[in-house]
């Protein structure tokens, strides 16, 4: 059973930065596609970014392009989300997810395709 634990959330002013981490255990991290999603109060969970097992294929939601960077360190079993130029509308619970089914061969954009989820970390951006 794969376990994912997010960290790095918090309260930041608009224009600031945060770096989220997601540590994986219980599986072969290097074979998973990894993704970040977020869910704001009263809204559905939405895709933020994802990358394949090598990190060579990356995809971002339009609303974070140029501001967020997803990366992974397979030696540390960790995926990161560097968030810069944060806006109040980025306020949400951020979740990392792992997809094993694709064997990490492609980027996965839909939540339903992910097999494992973390518990989430709160990001609050004040104006």
Protein backbone atom coordinates (compact mmCIF):
# COMPACT_ATOMS: atom_id res chain seq x y z
CA UNK A 1 0.00 0.00 0.00
CA UNK A 2 1.39 3.35 -1.05
CA UNK A 3 1.27 6.19 1.43
CA UNK A 4 1.64 9.82 0.44
CA UNK A 5 2.29 12.59 2.95
CA UNK A 6 2.17 16.23 1.91
CA UNK A 7 3.90 19.06 3.74
CA UNK A 8 4.86 22.66 3.20
CA UNK A 9 1.48 24.35 3.19
CA UNK A 10 0.74 27.45 5.20
CA UNK A 11 -0.32 31.07 5.16
CA UNK A 12 1.40 33.44 2.75
CA UNK A 13 0.73 36.91 1.40
CA UNK A 14 -0.20 37.44 -2.22
CA UNK A 15 2.90 37.44 -4.38
CA UNK A 16 4.72 35.11 -2.04
CA UNK A 17 6.00 31.58 -2.52
CA UNK A 18 5.59 28.16 -0.99
CA UNK A 19 7.15 24.81 -1.75
CA UNK A 20 5.00 21.75 -1.21
CA UNK A 21 6.53 18.32 -0.77
CA UNK A 22 4.94 14.90 -1.03
CA UNK A 23 6.84 11.96 0.39
CA UNK A 24 5.89 8.49 -0.80
CA UNK A 25 6.40 5.17 0.93
CA UNK A 26 5.31 1.58 0.47
CA UNK A 27 5.80 1.31 -3.25
CA UNK A 28 8.21 1.82 -6.13
CA UNK A 29 8.07 5.57 -6.47
CA UNK A 30 10.04 5.72 -9.68
CA UNK A 31 7.31 3.80 -11.54
CA UNK A 32 4.48 6.21 -10.68
CA UNK A 33 3.11 9.19 -12.49
CA UNK A 34 2.69 11.87 -9.84
CA UNK A 35 0.23 14.71 -9.77
CA UNK A 36 -0.92 17.66 -7.69
CA UNK A 37 -4.55 18.64 -7.35
CA UNK A 38 -6.31 21.23 -5.25
CA UNK A 39 -9.75 21.80 -3.81
CA UNK A 40 -11.10 25.11 -2.63
CA UNK A 41 -14.13 25.37 -0.32
CA UNK A 42 -17.33 24.75 -2.23
CA UNK A 43 -15.49 23.76 -5.38
CA UNK A 44 -14.57 20.51 -7.05
CA UNK A 45 -11.07 19.10 -6.94
CA UNK A 46 -9.06 20.38 -9.87
CA UNK A 47 -5.88 19.36 -11.61
CA UNK A 48 -2.80 21.50 -10.99
CA UNK A 49 0.23 19.70 -12.43
CA UNK A 50 1.61 16.24 -13.15
CA UNK A 51 4.74 14.55 -14.39
CA UNK A 52 5.68 11.10 -15.54
CA UNK A 53 8.11 8.74 -13.83
CA UNK A 54 11.25 10.33 -15.25
CA UNK A 55 10.02 13.91 -15.04
CA UNK A 56 10.52 14.25 -18.76
CA UNK A 57 6.82 14.78 -19.45
CA UNK A 58 5.13 17.54 -17.50
CA UNK A 59 1.75 19.17 -17.79
CA UNK A 60 0.31 22.20 -16.01
CA UNK A 61 -3.14 23.63 -15.69
CA UNK A 62 -3.39 26.91 -17.54
CA UNK A 63 -3.96 28.91 -14.39
CA UNK A 64 -0.57 27.94 -12.92
CA UNK A 65 1.64 28.06 -15.99
CA UNK A 66 4.62 30.29 -15.41
CA UNK A 67 4.02 30.39 -11.66
CA UNK A 68 4.19 26.79 -10.41
CA UNK A 69 6.86 24.16 -11.05
CA UNK A 70 6.45 20.44 -10.44
CA UNK A 71 9.50 18.25 -9.98
CA UNK A 72 10.48 14.93 -8.47
CA UNK A 73 13.45 13.30 -6.82
CA UNK A 74 13.18 9.56 -7.30
CA UNK A 75 16.11 8.95 -4.97
CA UNK A 76 14.14 10.64 -2.18
CA UNK A 77 10.72 9.28 -3.18
CA UNK A 78 9.44 12.83 -3.19
CA UNK A 79 7.53 15.09 -5.55
CA UNK A 80 7.55 18.85 -5.16
CA UNK A 81 5.38 21.77 -6.17
CA UNK A 82 7.14 25.12 -6.14
CA UNK A 83 4.51 27.85 -6.09
CA UNK A 84 5.53 31.42 -6.87
CA UNK A 85 3.53 34.62 -7.38
CA UNK A 86 0.72 33.19 -5.31
CA UNK A 87 -2.74 34.72 -5.60
CA UNK A 88 -5.68 34.64 -3.18
CA UNK A 89 -7.49 32.39 -5.65
CA UNK A 90 -4.77 29.76 -5.12
CA UNK A 91 -6.14 29.21 -1.63
CA UNK A 92 -7.11 25.54 -1.35
CA UNK A 93 -6.19 22.19 0.10
CA UNK A 94 -3.47 20.75 -2.10
CA UNK A 95 -3.27 17.01 -2.63
CA UNK A 96 -0.63 14.86 -4.23
CA UNK A 97 -1.57 11.68 -6.01
CA UNK A 98 0.14 8.67 -7.52
CA UNK A 99 -0.90 6.72 -10.58
CA UNK A 100 0.48 3.22 -10.81
CA UNK A 101 -1.68 1.92 -13.65
CA UNK A 102 0.16 3.86 -16.34
CA UNK A 103 3.50 2.59 -14.96
CA UNK A 104 4.64 6.19 -15.06
CA UNK A 105 4.76 6.23 -18.84
CA UNK A 106 2.50 9.22 -19.37
CA UNK A 107 1.12 12.30 -17.69
CA UNK A 108 -2.29 11.73 -16.10
CA UNK A 109 -4.65 14.67 -15.85
CA UNK A 110 -7.85 13.28 -14.35
CA UNK A 111 -8.33 12.56 -10.68
CA UNK A 112 -10.23 9.34 -11.31
CA UNK A 113 -7.16 7.76 -12.86
CA UNK A 114 -5.00 8.17 -9.78
CA UNK A 115 -4.67 5.23 -7.44
CA UNK A 116 -3.33 6.79 -4.27
CA UNK A 117 -3.87 10.12 -2.54
CA UNK A 118 -2.33 12.05 0.30
CA UNK A 119 -4.29 13.71 3.07
CA UNK A 120 -3.75 17.20 1.73
CA UNK A 121 -2.05 20.34 2.95
CA UNK A 122 -3.75 23.71 3.35
CA UNK A 123 -2.46 26.69 1.39
CA UNK A 124 -3.93 30.07 2.27
CA UNK A 125 -2.99 33.19 0.34
CA UNK A 126 -3.99 36.50 1.89
CA UNK A 127 -4.60 39.62 -0.14
